[in-house]
Amino acid sequence: MNVIKEHDGCNYVADTRDGFEDNPLDTKWVAEYFMPKAKEYGCCIIYFIIDDDNSLREELEGQEKDSAQLLEFRYIYGLDEV
C-alpha cells in the first residue's frame, strides 16, 4: 500500500499464474480493505496476470465484481502487456 500511496496514479499487478489460497477471510480483506485503499491512494487499474487456462477465473471475477465500482480490471498473460 505504501508503494501505491507514494506513486500517484500507479497501477497494481498481481501474478496469479501459480494460484493462491482461496481463503474467505482473504477475499473479504481484499474487497473491504485493499481495493478501497488502493483507490484512495490513487491506483486506477488492477492487472491480473493469468495462465493460459485462466484457472482462477471464478476467484478473480469475484474480486472484480466486488470492486468494479472502484477500479478497472485487466487480465493479461505477462508484464509486457502492462
Protein backbone atom coordinates (compact mmCIF):
# COMPACT_ATOMS: atom_id res chain seq x y z
CA MET A 1 0.00 0.00 0.00
CA ASN A 2 2.89 2.36 0.70
CA VAL A 3 4.21 1.96 -2.84
CA ILE A 4 0.79 2.80 -4.27
CA LYS A 5 0.47 5.78 -1.93
CA GLU A 6 3.92 7.11 -2.83
CA HIS A 7 3.35 6.91 -6.62
CA ASP A 8 0.17 8.74 -7.57
CA GLY A 9 -1.62 7.15 -10.49
CA CYS A 10 0.27 3.87 -10.31
CA ASN A 11 -1.40 0.55 -11.00
CA TYR A 12 -1.19 -2.82 -9.26
CA VAL A 13 -0.16 -6.10 -10.86
CA ALA A 14 -0.99 -9.45 -9.25
CA ASP A 15 0.64 -12.55 -10.72
CA THR A 16 -1.96 -15.31 -10.28
CA ARG A 17 -0.36 -17.89 -12.59
CA ASP A 18 0.78 -20.10 -9.73
CA GLY A 19 -2.53 -19.75 -7.93
CA PHE A 20 -3.23 -18.67 -4.41
CA GLU A 21 -5.17 -19.99 -1.48
CA ASP A 22 -8.86 -19.19 -1.80
CA ASN A 23 -9.47 -18.12 1.79
CA PRO A 24 -12.78 -16.35 2.51
CA LEU A 25 -11.10 -14.07 5.07
CA ASP A 26 -8.50 -13.02 2.48
CA THR A 27 -11.23 -12.39 -0.09
CA LYS A 28 -13.11 -10.23 2.41
CA TRP A 29 -9.93 -8.28 3.26
CA VAL A 30 -9.22 -7.64 -0.43
CA ALA A 31 -12.77 -6.37 -1.05
CA GLU A 32 -13.21 -4.37 2.14
CA TYR A 33 -9.71 -3.02 2.73
CA PHE A 34 -7.21 -3.45 -0.10
CA MET A 35 -9.34 -2.34 -3.07
CA PRO A 36 -10.82 0.76 -1.36
CA LYS A 37 -7.39 1.81 -0.02
CA ALA A 38 -5.76 1.22 -3.41
CA LYS A 39 -8.36 3.53 -4.97
CA GLU A 40 -7.97 6.09 -2.19
CA TYR A 41 -4.20 6.11 -2.70
CA GLY A 42 -4.51 6.72 -6.45
CA CYS A 43 -4.49 3.27 -8.05
CA CYS A 44 -6.67 3.11 -11.16
CA ILE A 45 -6.12 -0.34 -12.69
CA ILE A 46 -5.59 -3.80 -11.22
CA TYR A 47 -3.84 -6.17 -13.63
CA PHE A 48 -4.20 -9.91 -13.06
CA ILE A 49 -1.51 -11.94 -14.80
CA ILE A 50 -3.31 -15.19 -15.65
CA ASP A 51 -2.22 -18.56 -17.01
CA ASP A 52 -3.36 -19.81 -20.42
CA ASP A 53 -6.32 -21.63 -18.88
CA ASN A 54 -7.24 -18.78 -16.51
CA SER A 55 -7.55 -21.41 -13.80
CA LEU A 56 -8.53 -18.84 -11.16
CA ARG A 57 -11.21 -17.26 -13.31
CA GLU A 58 -14.03 -17.59 -10.76
CA GLU A 59 -12.00 -16.11 -7.91
CA LEU A 60 -10.65 -13.22 -10.00
CA GLU A 61 -14.03 -12.38 -11.49
CA GLY A 62 -15.45 -12.38 -7.97
CA GLN A 63 -12.83 -9.85 -6.88
CA GLU A 64 -13.57 -7.76 -9.94
CA LYS A 65 -17.32 -7.88 -9.31
CA ASP A 66 -16.84 -6.82 -5.68
CA SER A 67 -14.70 -3.81 -6.63
CA ALA A 68 -15.66 -2.86 -10.21
CA GLN A 69 -17.16 0.42 -8.98
CA LEU A 70 -13.73 1.39 -7.59
CA LEU A 71 -11.14 0.21 -10.09
CA GLU A 72 -10.66 -1.05 -13.62
CA PHE A 73 -9.52 -4.66 -14.01
CA ARG A 74 -7.49 -6.15 -16.84
CA TYR A 75 -6.45 -9.74 -17.48
CA ILE A 76 -3.05 -10.21 -19.07
CA TYR A 77 -0.56 -13.03 -19.76
CA GLY A 78 2.67 -11.23 -18.81
CA LEU A 79 4.23 -7.97 -17.62
CA ASP A 80 4.94 -6.96 -21.21
CA GLU A 81 1.20 -6.25 -21.55
CA VAL A 82 1.15 -3.61 -18.79
